[in-house]
């Protein structure tokens, strides 16, 4: 089973667009202790924090038991992003982050990070959500993240390719 190690921002985005509950259909959802603390820090102020806390308590979101060794230091990343990358290096995980510096670092050291947009595409590819659900969720995410029009266009194009491939694959199975 794929281990997705989330940073706080990505998990909050997916919670805001009501798709966090579907993440376990892709694989295991893991966070570092730092990220867990960030997620529930203002539990009395944000409904998202309450939802995420319940998921942690019910073990839908698992806190990593890996003891961080501080493999690397960087002034460019927050502790949560650094912890996420370190856990992925040690535990063969997939980092999920929307932080550009964390994405670049993860790529430069050989990891294959995903953003919240790519997770949406994965949900579509695995038929966890349909195209209508994808477009509704993606529109919400695009507003939250203030995505540029060319980025929005790129992800819609990718989604249409996935739908086309899913239809072609279904047709092949019938033959």
N, C-alpha and C. Protein backbone atom coordinates (compact mmCIF):
# COMPACT_ATOMS: atom_id res chain seq x y z
N UNK A 1 0.85 -1.18 0.00
CA UNK A 1 0.00 0.00 0.00
C UNK A 1 0.90 1.24 0.00
N UNK A 2 0.55 2.19 -0.83
CA UNK A 2 1.32 3.43 -0.93
C UNK A 2 1.16 4.25 0.35
N UNK A 3 2.28 4.80 0.80
CA UNK A 3 2.28 5.65 1.98
C UNK A 3 2.39 7.10 1.53
N UNK A 4 1.33 7.86 1.74
CA UNK A 4 1.32 9.28 1.41
C UNK A 4 1.61 10.06 2.69
N UNK A 5 2.70 10.81 2.68
CA UNK A 5 3.08 11.59 3.85
C UNK A 5 2.72 13.05 3.54
N UNK A 6 1.74 13.57 4.26
CA UNK A 6 1.17 14.89 3.97
C UNK A 6 1.81 15.98 4.79
N UNK A 7 1.93 17.15 4.17
CA UNK A 7 2.21 18.34 4.97
C UNK A 7 0.84 18.96 5.32
N UNK A 8 0.84 19.91 6.21
CA UNK A 8 -0.42 20.45 6.73
C UNK A 8 -1.27 21.12 5.66
N UNK A 9 -0.66 21.94 4.85
CA UNK A 9 -1.41 22.73 3.88
C UNK A 9 -2.20 21.84 2.92
N UNK A 10 -1.55 20.83 2.37
CA UNK A 10 -2.22 19.94 1.41
C UNK A 10 -3.39 19.21 2.06
N UNK A 11 -3.19 18.73 3.27
CA UNK A 11 -4.26 18.01 3.96
C UNK A 11 -5.42 18.95 4.29
N UNK A 12 -5.10 20.18 4.64
CA UNK A 12 -6.15 21.17 4.92
C UNK A 12 -6.92 21.50 3.64
N UNK A 13 -6.21 21.69 2.53
CA UNK A 13 -6.90 21.95 1.25
C UNK A 13 -7.89 20.83 0.93
N UNK A 14 -7.43 19.59 1.04
CA UNK A 14 -8.29 18.45 0.69
C UNK A 14 -9.45 18.28 1.68
N UNK A 15 -9.26 18.73 2.90
CA UNK A 15 -10.34 18.73 3.88
C UNK A 15 -11.37 19.80 3.52
N UNK A 16 -10.89 20.98 3.14
CA UNK A 16 -11.78 22.09 2.79
C UNK A 16 -12.69 21.74 1.60
N UNK A 17 -12.18 20.93 0.67
CA UNK A 17 -13.00 20.58 -0.51
C UNK A 17 -13.68 19.22 -0.34
N UNK A 18 -13.72 18.75 0.91
CA UNK A 18 -14.46 17.54 1.28
C UNK A 18 -13.99 16.27 0.58
N UNK A 19 -12.70 16.15 0.34
CA UNK A 19 -12.17 14.93 -0.26
C UNK A 19 -11.22 14.16 0.65
N UNK A 20 -10.95 14.67 1.82
CA UNK A 20 -10.01 14.02 2.71
C UNK A 20 -10.45 12.60 3.04
N UNK A 21 -11.74 12.38 3.19
CA UNK A 21 -12.25 11.05 3.55
C UNK A 21 -11.96 10.00 2.48
N UNK A 22 -11.72 10.44 1.26
CA UNK A 22 -11.47 9.50 0.16
C UNK A 22 -9.99 9.15 0.01
N UNK A 23 -9.12 9.84 0.73
CA UNK A 23 -7.68 9.65 0.57
C UNK A 23 -7.23 8.23 0.90
N UNK A 24 -7.89 7.58 1.85
CA UNK A 24 -7.49 6.23 2.23
C UNK A 24 -7.74 5.22 1.11
N UNK A 25 -8.51 5.60 0.11
CA UNK A 25 -8.72 4.72 -1.05
C UNK A 25 -7.50 4.70 -1.96
N UNK A 26 -6.61 5.69 -1.80
CA UNK A 26 -5.37 5.74 -2.58
C UNK A 26 -4.22 5.06 -1.84
N UNK A 27 -4.26 5.11 -0.52
CA UNK A 27 -3.18 4.55 0.28
C UNK A 27 -3.27 5.03 1.71
N UNK A 28 -2.19 4.80 2.43
CA UNK A 28 -2.13 5.20 3.83
C UNK A 28 -1.85 6.69 3.94
N UNK A 29 -2.53 7.37 4.85
CA UNK A 29 -2.36 8.81 5.07
C UNK A 29 -1.54 8.99 6.35
N UNK A 30 -0.35 9.57 6.20
CA UNK A 30 0.59 9.69 7.31
C UNK A 30 0.99 11.15 7.47
N UNK A 31 1.20 11.55 8.73
CA UNK A 31 1.71 12.89 9.03
C UNK A 31 2.79 12.76 10.10
N UNK A 32 3.67 13.74 10.14
CA UNK A 32 4.67 13.79 11.21
C UNK A 32 4.02 14.37 12.46
N UNK A 33 4.70 14.26 13.59
CA UNK A 33 4.18 14.84 14.82
C UNK A 33 4.04 16.36 14.66
N UNK A 34 5.01 16.98 14.00
CA UNK A 34 4.95 18.43 13.77
C UNK A 34 3.69 18.80 13.00
N UNK A 35 3.41 18.05 11.94
CA UNK A 35 2.22 18.33 11.11
C UNK A 35 0.95 18.07 11.91
N UNK A 36 0.92 16.98 12.65
CA UNK A 36 -0.26 16.70 13.49
C UNK A 36 -0.54 17.88 14.41
N UNK A 37 0.50 18.38 15.03
CA UNK A 37 0.33 19.53 15.94
C UNK A 37 -0.17 20.76 15.19
N UNK A 38 0.34 20.99 13.98
CA UNK A 38 -0.13 22.13 13.17
C UNK A 38 -1.60 21.98 12.80
N UNK A 39 -2.00 20.75 12.49
CA UNK A 39 -3.37 20.50 12.04
C UNK A 39 -4.40 20.78 13.12
N UNK A 40 -4.04 20.50 14.36
CA UNK A 40 -5.03 20.63 15.44
C UNK A 40 -4.73 21.80 16.37
N UNK A 41 -3.75 22.61 16.00
CA UNK A 41 -3.31 23.72 16.84
C UNK A 41 -4.45 24.66 17.24
N UNK A 42 -5.30 25.00 16.31
CA UNK A 42 -6.39 25.96 16.58
C UNK A 42 -7.74 25.26 16.46
N UNK A 43 -7.85 24.15 17.17
CA UNK A 43 -9.02 23.28 17.06
C UNK A 43 -10.32 23.99 17.44
N UNK A 44 -10.26 24.93 18.33
CA UNK A 44 -11.47 25.64 18.75
C UNK A 44 -11.94 26.67 17.73
N UNK A 45 -11.06 27.07 16.83
CA UNK A 45 -11.40 28.11 15.87
C UNK A 45 -11.81 27.59 14.49
N UNK A 46 -11.33 26.40 14.12
CA UNK A 46 -11.55 25.93 12.75
C UNK A 46 -12.20 24.56 12.71
N UNK A 47 -13.25 24.46 11.93
CA UNK A 47 -13.95 23.18 11.75
C UNK A 47 -13.01 22.14 11.12
N UNK A 48 -12.16 22.60 10.20
CA UNK A 48 -11.20 21.68 9.57
C UNK A 48 -10.32 21.00 10.61
N UNK A 49 -9.89 21.76 11.60
CA UNK A 49 -9.04 21.20 12.66
C UNK A 49 -9.78 20.14 13.46
N UNK A 50 -11.06 20.37 13.71
CA UNK A 50 -11.87 19.38 14.44
C UNK A 50 -12.00 18.09 13.63
N UNK A 51 -12.27 18.24 12.34
CA UNK A 51 -12.40 17.08 11.46
C UNK A 51 -11.09 16.30 11.41
N UNK A 52 -9.99 17.01 11.21
CA UNK A 52 -8.69 16.35 11.13
C UNK A 52 -8.34 15.67 12.45
N UNK A 53 -8.64 16.28 13.57
CA UNK A 53 -8.38 15.69 14.88
C UNK A 53 -9.16 14.38 15.04
N UNK A 54 -10.43 14.38 14.63
CA UNK A 54 -11.23 13.14 14.70
C UNK A 54 -10.60 12.04 13.84
N UNK A 55 -10.11 12.42 12.68
CA UNK A 55 -9.48 11.44 11.79
C UNK A 55 -8.19 10.88 12.39
N UNK A 56 -7.46 11.72 13.09
CA UNK A 56 -6.23 11.26 13.75
C UNK A 56 -6.61 10.30 14.89
N UNK A 57 -7.61 10.67 15.66
CA UNK A 57 -8.06 9.82 16.77
C UNK A 57 -8.56 8.47 16.27
N UNK A 58 -9.25 8.46 15.12
CA UNK A 58 -9.80 7.22 14.56
C UNK A 58 -8.78 6.46 13.71
N UNK A 59 -7.56 6.97 13.65
CA UNK A 59 -6.44 6.34 12.92
C UNK A 59 -6.64 6.32 11.41
N UNK A 60 -7.52 7.20 10.88
CA UNK A 60 -7.63 7.36 9.43
C UNK A 60 -6.41 8.14 8.92
N UNK A 61 -5.91 9.00 9.79
CA UNK A 61 -4.65 9.69 9.55
C UNK A 61 -3.70 9.18 10.62
N UNK A 62 -2.59 8.60 10.18
CA UNK A 62 -1.65 8.00 11.13
C UNK A 62 -0.45 8.91 11.35
N UNK A 63 -0.12 9.10 12.61
CA UNK A 63 1.09 9.85 12.93
C UNK A 63 2.27 8.90 12.78
N UNK A 64 3.28 9.33 12.07
CA UNK A 64 4.47 8.50 11.86
C UNK A 64 5.16 8.24 13.19
N UNK A 65 5.61 7.01 13.35
CA UNK A 65 6.35 6.65 14.56
C UNK A 65 7.85 6.80 14.35
N UNK A 66 8.23 7.16 13.14
CA UNK A 66 9.65 7.31 12.83
C UNK A 66 10.24 8.45 13.66
N UNK A 67 11.34 8.17 14.30
CA UNK A 67 12.04 9.19 15.10
C UNK A 67 12.94 9.98 14.16
N UNK A 68 12.62 11.23 13.98
CA UNK A 68 13.34 12.08 13.04
C UNK A 68 14.79 12.25 13.46
N UNK A 69 15.67 12.16 12.46
CA UNK A 69 17.10 12.23 12.71
C UNK A 69 17.71 13.53 12.22
N UNK A 70 16.88 14.40 11.63
CA UNK A 70 17.39 15.64 11.05
C UNK A 70 18.50 15.35 10.03
N UNK A 71 18.16 14.53 9.04
CA UNK A 71 19.08 14.16 7.96
C UNK A 71 19.66 15.37 7.27
N UNK A 72 18.88 16.39 7.16
CA UNK A 72 19.34 17.59 6.45
C UNK A 72 18.77 18.82 7.14
N UNK A 73 19.42 19.91 6.90
CA UNK A 73 18.91 21.17 7.43
C UNK A 73 18.71 22.10 6.25
N UNK A 74 17.74 22.94 6.37
CA UNK A 74 17.50 23.92 5.33
C UNK A 74 16.80 25.11 5.95
N UNK A 75 17.24 26.26 5.56
CA UNK A 75 16.61 27.49 6.05
C UNK A 75 15.38 27.82 5.21
N UNK A 76 15.24 27.12 4.09
CA UNK A 76 14.16 27.43 3.14
C UNK A 76 12.84 26.73 3.45
N UNK A 77 12.88 25.73 4.33
CA UNK A 77 11.67 24.96 4.60
C UNK A 77 11.25 25.10 6.06
N UNK A 78 9.94 24.97 6.26
CA UNK A 78 9.44 24.89 7.62
C UNK A 78 9.72 23.50 8.17
N UNK A 79 9.61 23.35 9.47
CA UNK A 79 9.88 22.06 10.11
C UNK A 79 8.94 20.97 9.60
N UNK A 80 7.68 21.30 9.38
CA UNK A 80 6.72 20.32 8.90
C UNK A 80 7.08 19.75 7.53
N UNK A 81 7.45 20.63 6.61
CA UNK A 81 7.83 20.18 5.27
C UNK A 81 9.11 19.34 5.33
N UNK A 82 10.06 19.78 6.15
CA UNK A 82 11.32 19.04 6.31
C UNK A 82 11.05 17.65 6.88
N UNK A 83 10.20 17.58 7.91
CA UNK A 83 9.86 16.30 8.51
C UNK A 83 9.16 15.39 7.50
N UNK A 84 8.26 15.95 6.70
CA UNK A 84 7.54 15.17 5.69
C UNK A 84 8.53 14.52 4.72
N UNK A 85 9.49 15.30 4.25
CA UNK A 85 10.48 14.78 3.30
C UNK A 85 11.36 13.72 3.98
N UNK A 86 11.78 13.98 5.20
CA UNK A 86 12.64 13.01 5.89
C UNK A 86 11.92 11.68 6.11
N UNK A 87 10.66 11.72 6.49
CA UNK A 87 9.88 10.49 6.68
C UNK A 87 9.79 9.72 5.36
N UNK A 88 9.59 10.44 4.26
CA UNK A 88 9.50 9.79 2.95
C UNK A 88 10.82 9.11 2.58
N UNK A 89 11.92 9.76 2.88
CA UNK A 89 13.23 9.18 2.59
C UNK A 89 13.45 7.90 3.40
N UNK A 90 13.07 7.91 4.64
CA UNK A 90 13.29 6.78 5.53
C UNK A 90 12.27 5.68 5.32
N UNK A 91 11.02 6.06 5.07
CA UNK A 91 9.92 5.10 5.09
C UNK A 91 9.33 4.81 3.71
N UNK A 92 10.06 5.19 2.65
CA UNK A 92 9.62 4.93 1.28
C UNK A 92 8.21 5.48 1.02
N UNK A 93 8.01 6.74 1.39
CA UNK A 93 6.71 7.36 1.21
C UNK A 93 6.69 8.35 0.06
N UNK A 94 5.50 8.80 -0.24
CA UNK A 94 5.28 9.81 -1.27
C UNK A 94 4.92 11.12 -0.57
N UNK A 95 5.77 12.14 -0.70
CA UNK A 95 5.41 13.40 -0.05
C UNK A 95 4.27 14.10 -0.79
N UNK A 96 3.33 14.62 -0.02
CA UNK A 96 2.25 15.41 -0.60
C UNK A 96 2.37 16.80 0.01
N UNK A 97 2.72 17.75 -0.86
CA UNK A 97 2.95 19.12 -0.40
C UNK A 97 2.58 20.10 -1.50
N UNK A 98 2.12 21.25 -1.10
CA UNK A 98 1.84 22.32 -2.05
C UNK A 98 2.84 23.45 -1.89
N UNK A 99 3.87 23.21 -1.10
CA UNK A 99 4.93 24.17 -0.87
C UNK A 99 5.98 24.02 -1.99
N UNK A 100 6.19 25.07 -2.76
CA UNK A 100 7.09 24.99 -3.92
C UNK A 100 8.52 24.65 -3.54
N UNK A 101 9.00 25.20 -2.45
CA UNK A 101 10.37 24.89 -2.02
C UNK A 101 10.49 23.42 -1.63
N UNK A 102 9.49 22.91 -0.93
CA UNK A 102 9.50 21.50 -0.53
C UNK A 102 9.39 20.59 -1.76
N UNK A 103 8.56 20.98 -2.73
CA UNK A 103 8.45 20.21 -3.97
C UNK A 103 9.80 20.13 -4.68
N UNK A 104 10.44 21.27 -4.82
CA UNK A 104 11.74 21.31 -5.51
C UNK A 104 12.79 20.48 -4.78
N UNK A 105 12.84 20.57 -3.47
CA UNK A 105 13.80 19.78 -2.71
C UNK A 105 13.51 18.29 -2.87
N UNK A 106 12.24 17.91 -2.72
CA UNK A 106 11.86 16.50 -2.86
C UNK A 106 12.26 15.95 -4.23
N UNK A 107 12.00 16.71 -5.27
CA UNK A 107 12.38 16.29 -6.62
C UNK A 107 13.89 16.17 -6.77
N UNK A 108 14.61 17.11 -6.19
CA UNK A 108 16.08 17.13 -6.34
C UNK A 108 16.75 15.97 -5.63
N UNK A 109 16.10 15.38 -4.64
CA UNK A 109 16.70 14.24 -3.95
C UNK A 109 16.07 12.91 -4.35
N UNK A 110 15.30 12.93 -5.44
CA UNK A 110 14.81 11.68 -6.02
C UNK A 110 13.44 11.22 -5.58
N UNK A 111 12.74 12.00 -4.79
CA UNK A 111 11.38 11.63 -4.41
C UNK A 111 10.41 12.03 -5.52
N UNK A 112 9.21 11.49 -5.47
CA UNK A 112 8.19 11.81 -6.47
C UNK A 112 6.99 12.44 -5.75
N UNK A 113 7.14 13.73 -5.40
CA UNK A 113 6.08 14.39 -4.63
C UNK A 113 4.81 14.62 -5.44
N UNK A 114 3.73 14.80 -4.72
CA UNK A 114 2.44 15.12 -5.33
C UNK A 114 1.90 16.38 -4.67
N UNK A 115 1.11 17.11 -5.43
CA UNK A 115 0.41 18.27 -4.89
C UNK A 115 -1.05 17.87 -4.69
N UNK A 116 -1.82 18.74 -4.08
CA UNK A 116 -3.24 18.44 -3.89
C UNK A 116 -3.96 18.28 -5.24
N UNK A 117 -3.53 19.03 -6.26
CA UNK A 117 -4.14 18.88 -7.60
C UNK A 117 -3.86 17.49 -8.16
N UNK A 118 -2.65 17.00 -7.98
CA UNK A 118 -2.29 15.68 -8.49
C UNK A 118 -3.05 14.59 -7.73
N UNK A 119 -3.25 14.79 -6.45
CA UNK A 119 -4.06 13.84 -5.67
C UNK A 119 -5.48 13.78 -6.23
N UNK A 120 -6.03 14.93 -6.62
CA UNK A 120 -7.36 14.94 -7.26
C UNK A 120 -7.35 14.11 -8.54
N UNK A 121 -6.30 14.27 -9.34
CA UNK A 121 -6.19 13.46 -10.56
C UNK A 121 -6.08 11.97 -10.23
N UNK A 122 -5.34 11.63 -9.19
CA UNK A 122 -5.22 10.23 -8.77
C UNK A 122 -6.57 9.65 -8.36
N UNK A 123 -7.36 10.44 -7.64
CA UNK A 123 -8.70 10.00 -7.24
C UNK A 123 -9.57 9.75 -8.47
N UNK A 124 -9.43 10.59 -9.47
CA UNK A 124 -10.17 10.42 -10.72
C UNK A 124 -9.68 9.18 -11.47
N UNK A 125 -8.37 9.02 -11.55
CA UNK A 125 -7.77 7.89 -12.27
C UNK A 125 -8.20 6.56 -11.67
N UNK A 126 -8.27 6.51 -10.34
CA UNK A 126 -8.66 5.27 -9.64
C UNK A 126 -10.18 5.12 -9.55
N UNK A 127 -10.92 6.03 -10.19
CA UNK A 127 -12.39 6.03 -10.18
C UNK A 127 -12.97 6.14 -8.77
N UNK A 128 -12.24 6.79 -7.88
CA UNK A 128 -12.76 7.07 -6.54
C UNK A 128 -13.76 8.22 -6.64
N UNK A 129 -13.48 9.16 -7.56
CA UNK A 129 -14.43 10.22 -7.87
C UNK A 129 -14.67 10.21 -9.38
N UNK A 130 -15.80 10.76 -9.80
CA UNK A 130 -16.08 10.86 -11.23
C UNK A 130 -15.68 12.25 -11.73
N UNK A 131 -15.82 12.46 -13.04
CA UNK A 131 -15.38 13.73 -13.62
C UNK A 131 -16.16 14.92 -13.06
N UNK A 132 -17.45 14.73 -12.84
CA UNK A 132 -18.27 15.82 -12.28
C UNK A 132 -17.78 16.21 -10.89
N UNK A 133 -17.49 15.20 -10.07
CA UNK A 133 -16.97 15.45 -8.73
C UNK A 133 -15.58 16.09 -8.80
N UNK A 134 -14.77 15.63 -9.76
CA UNK A 134 -13.45 16.22 -9.96
C UNK A 134 -13.57 17.71 -10.27
N UNK A 135 -14.43 18.06 -11.24
CA UNK A 135 -14.52 19.46 -11.65
C UNK A 135 -15.02 20.34 -10.50
N UNK A 136 -16.01 19.86 -9.76
CA UNK A 136 -16.53 20.63 -8.62
C UNK A 136 -15.42 20.84 -7.59
N UNK A 137 -14.72 19.78 -7.25
CA UNK A 137 -13.65 19.86 -6.24
C UNK A 137 -12.49 20.69 -6.74
N UNK A 138 -12.15 20.53 -8.01
CA UNK A 138 -11.01 21.27 -8.56
C UNK A 138 -11.31 22.77 -8.61
N UNK A 139 -12.55 23.13 -8.95
CA UNK A 139 -12.92 24.54 -8.97
C UNK A 139 -12.74 25.16 -7.57
N UNK A 140 -13.18 24.43 -6.56
CA UNK A 140 -13.01 24.92 -5.18
C UNK A 140 -11.54 25.05 -4.83
N UNK A 141 -10.75 24.04 -5.18
CA UNK A 141 -9.32 24.06 -4.88
C UNK A 141 -8.63 25.20 -5.62
N UNK A 142 -8.99 25.40 -6.88
CA UNK A 142 -8.39 26.47 -7.67
C UNK A 142 -8.65 27.84 -7.04
N UNK A 143 -9.84 28.02 -6.48
CA UNK A 143 -10.16 29.28 -5.80
C UNK A 143 -9.36 29.43 -4.51
N UNK A 144 -9.31 28.37 -3.72
CA UNK A 144 -8.57 28.42 -2.45
C UNK A 144 -7.10 28.73 -2.69
N UNK A 145 -6.52 28.09 -3.69
CA UNK A 145 -5.09 28.24 -3.97
C UNK A 145 -4.79 29.40 -4.91
N UNK A 146 -5.82 30.01 -5.47
CA UNK A 146 -5.66 31.09 -6.45
C UNK A 146 -4.74 30.64 -7.59
N UNK A 147 -5.11 29.49 -8.19
CA UNK A 147 -4.31 28.94 -9.28
C UNK A 147 -4.40 29.81 -10.53
N UNK A 148 -3.31 29.87 -11.24
CA UNK A 148 -3.26 30.64 -12.48
C UNK A 148 -4.08 29.93 -13.57
N UNK A 149 -4.67 30.69 -14.49
CA UNK A 149 -5.51 30.09 -15.53
C UNK A 149 -4.81 28.98 -16.32
N UNK A 150 -3.51 29.15 -16.61
CA UNK A 150 -2.81 28.12 -17.37
C UNK A 150 -2.65 26.82 -16.57
N UNK A 151 -2.56 26.94 -15.26
CA UNK A 151 -2.47 25.75 -14.40
C UNK A 151 -3.82 25.04 -14.38
N UNK A 152 -4.89 25.81 -14.26
CA UNK A 152 -6.24 25.25 -14.28
C UNK A 152 -6.48 24.52 -15.60
N UNK A 153 -6.12 25.16 -16.69
CA UNK A 153 -6.29 24.57 -18.02
C UNK A 153 -5.52 23.26 -18.14
N UNK A 154 -4.28 23.24 -17.64
CA UNK A 154 -3.44 22.04 -17.69
C UNK A 154 -4.11 20.88 -16.95
N UNK A 155 -4.63 21.12 -15.75
CA UNK A 155 -5.22 20.04 -14.96
C UNK A 155 -6.55 19.56 -15.54
N UNK A 156 -7.33 20.44 -16.14
CA UNK A 156 -8.55 19.99 -16.82
C UNK A 156 -8.20 19.12 -18.02
N UNK A 157 -7.15 19.49 -18.74
CA UNK A 157 -6.71 18.68 -19.88
C UNK A 157 -6.29 17.29 -19.40
N UNK A 158 -5.52 17.24 -18.32
CA UNK A 158 -5.09 15.95 -17.75
C UNK A 158 -6.30 15.12 -17.32
N UNK A 159 -7.27 15.76 -16.70
CA UNK A 159 -8.47 15.05 -16.25
C UNK A 159 -9.23 14.45 -17.43
N UNK A 160 -9.34 15.20 -18.51
CA UNK A 160 -10.03 14.69 -19.70
C UNK A 160 -9.28 13.50 -20.30
N UNK A 161 -7.94 13.56 -20.28
CA UNK A 161 -7.14 12.42 -20.76
C UNK A 161 -7.39 11.18 -19.89
N UNK A 162 -7.49 11.38 -18.60
CA UNK A 162 -7.75 10.25 -17.68
C UNK A 162 -9.10 9.64 -17.98
N UNK A 163 -10.11 10.48 -18.14
CA UNK A 163 -11.46 9.98 -18.45
C UNK A 163 -11.44 9.19 -19.76
N UNK A 164 -10.76 9.73 -20.76
CA UNK A 164 -10.67 9.05 -22.05
C UNK A 164 -9.98 7.69 -21.89
N UNK A 165 -8.88 7.67 -21.15
CA UNK A 165 -8.16 6.40 -20.92
C UNK A 165 -9.00 5.41 -20.12
N UNK A 166 -9.73 5.90 -19.11
CA UNK A 166 -10.59 5.01 -18.33
C UNK A 166 -11.68 4.40 -19.21
N UNK A 167 -12.24 5.20 -20.10
CA UNK A 167 -13.27 4.70 -21.01
C UNK A 167 -12.66 3.67 -21.97
N UNK A 168 -11.49 3.98 -22.53
CA UNK A 168 -10.82 3.05 -23.44
C UNK A 168 -10.48 1.74 -22.73
N UNK A 169 -10.00 1.82 -21.50
CA UNK A 169 -9.66 0.63 -20.74
C UNK A 169 -10.90 -0.21 -20.43
N UNK A 170 -12.02 0.46 -20.13
CA UNK A 170 -13.28 -0.26 -19.87
C UNK A 170 -13.77 -0.96 -21.13
N UNK A 171 -13.62 -0.29 -22.27
CA UNK A 171 -14.02 -0.87 -23.55
C UNK A 171 -13.18 -2.09 -23.87
N UNK A 172 -11.88 -2.03 -23.60
CA UNK A 172 -10.97 -3.15 -23.84
C UNK A 172 -11.34 -4.35 -22.97
N UNK A 173 -11.73 -4.09 -21.72
CA UNK A 173 -12.10 -5.17 -20.81
C UNK A 173 -13.35 -5.89 -21.27
N UNK A 174 -14.27 -5.18 -21.90
CA UNK A 174 -15.52 -5.75 -22.37
C UNK A 174 -15.29 -6.67 -23.56
N UNK A 175 -14.31 -6.34 -24.40
CA UNK A 175 -14.07 -7.12 -25.62
C UNK A 175 -13.61 -8.50 -25.36
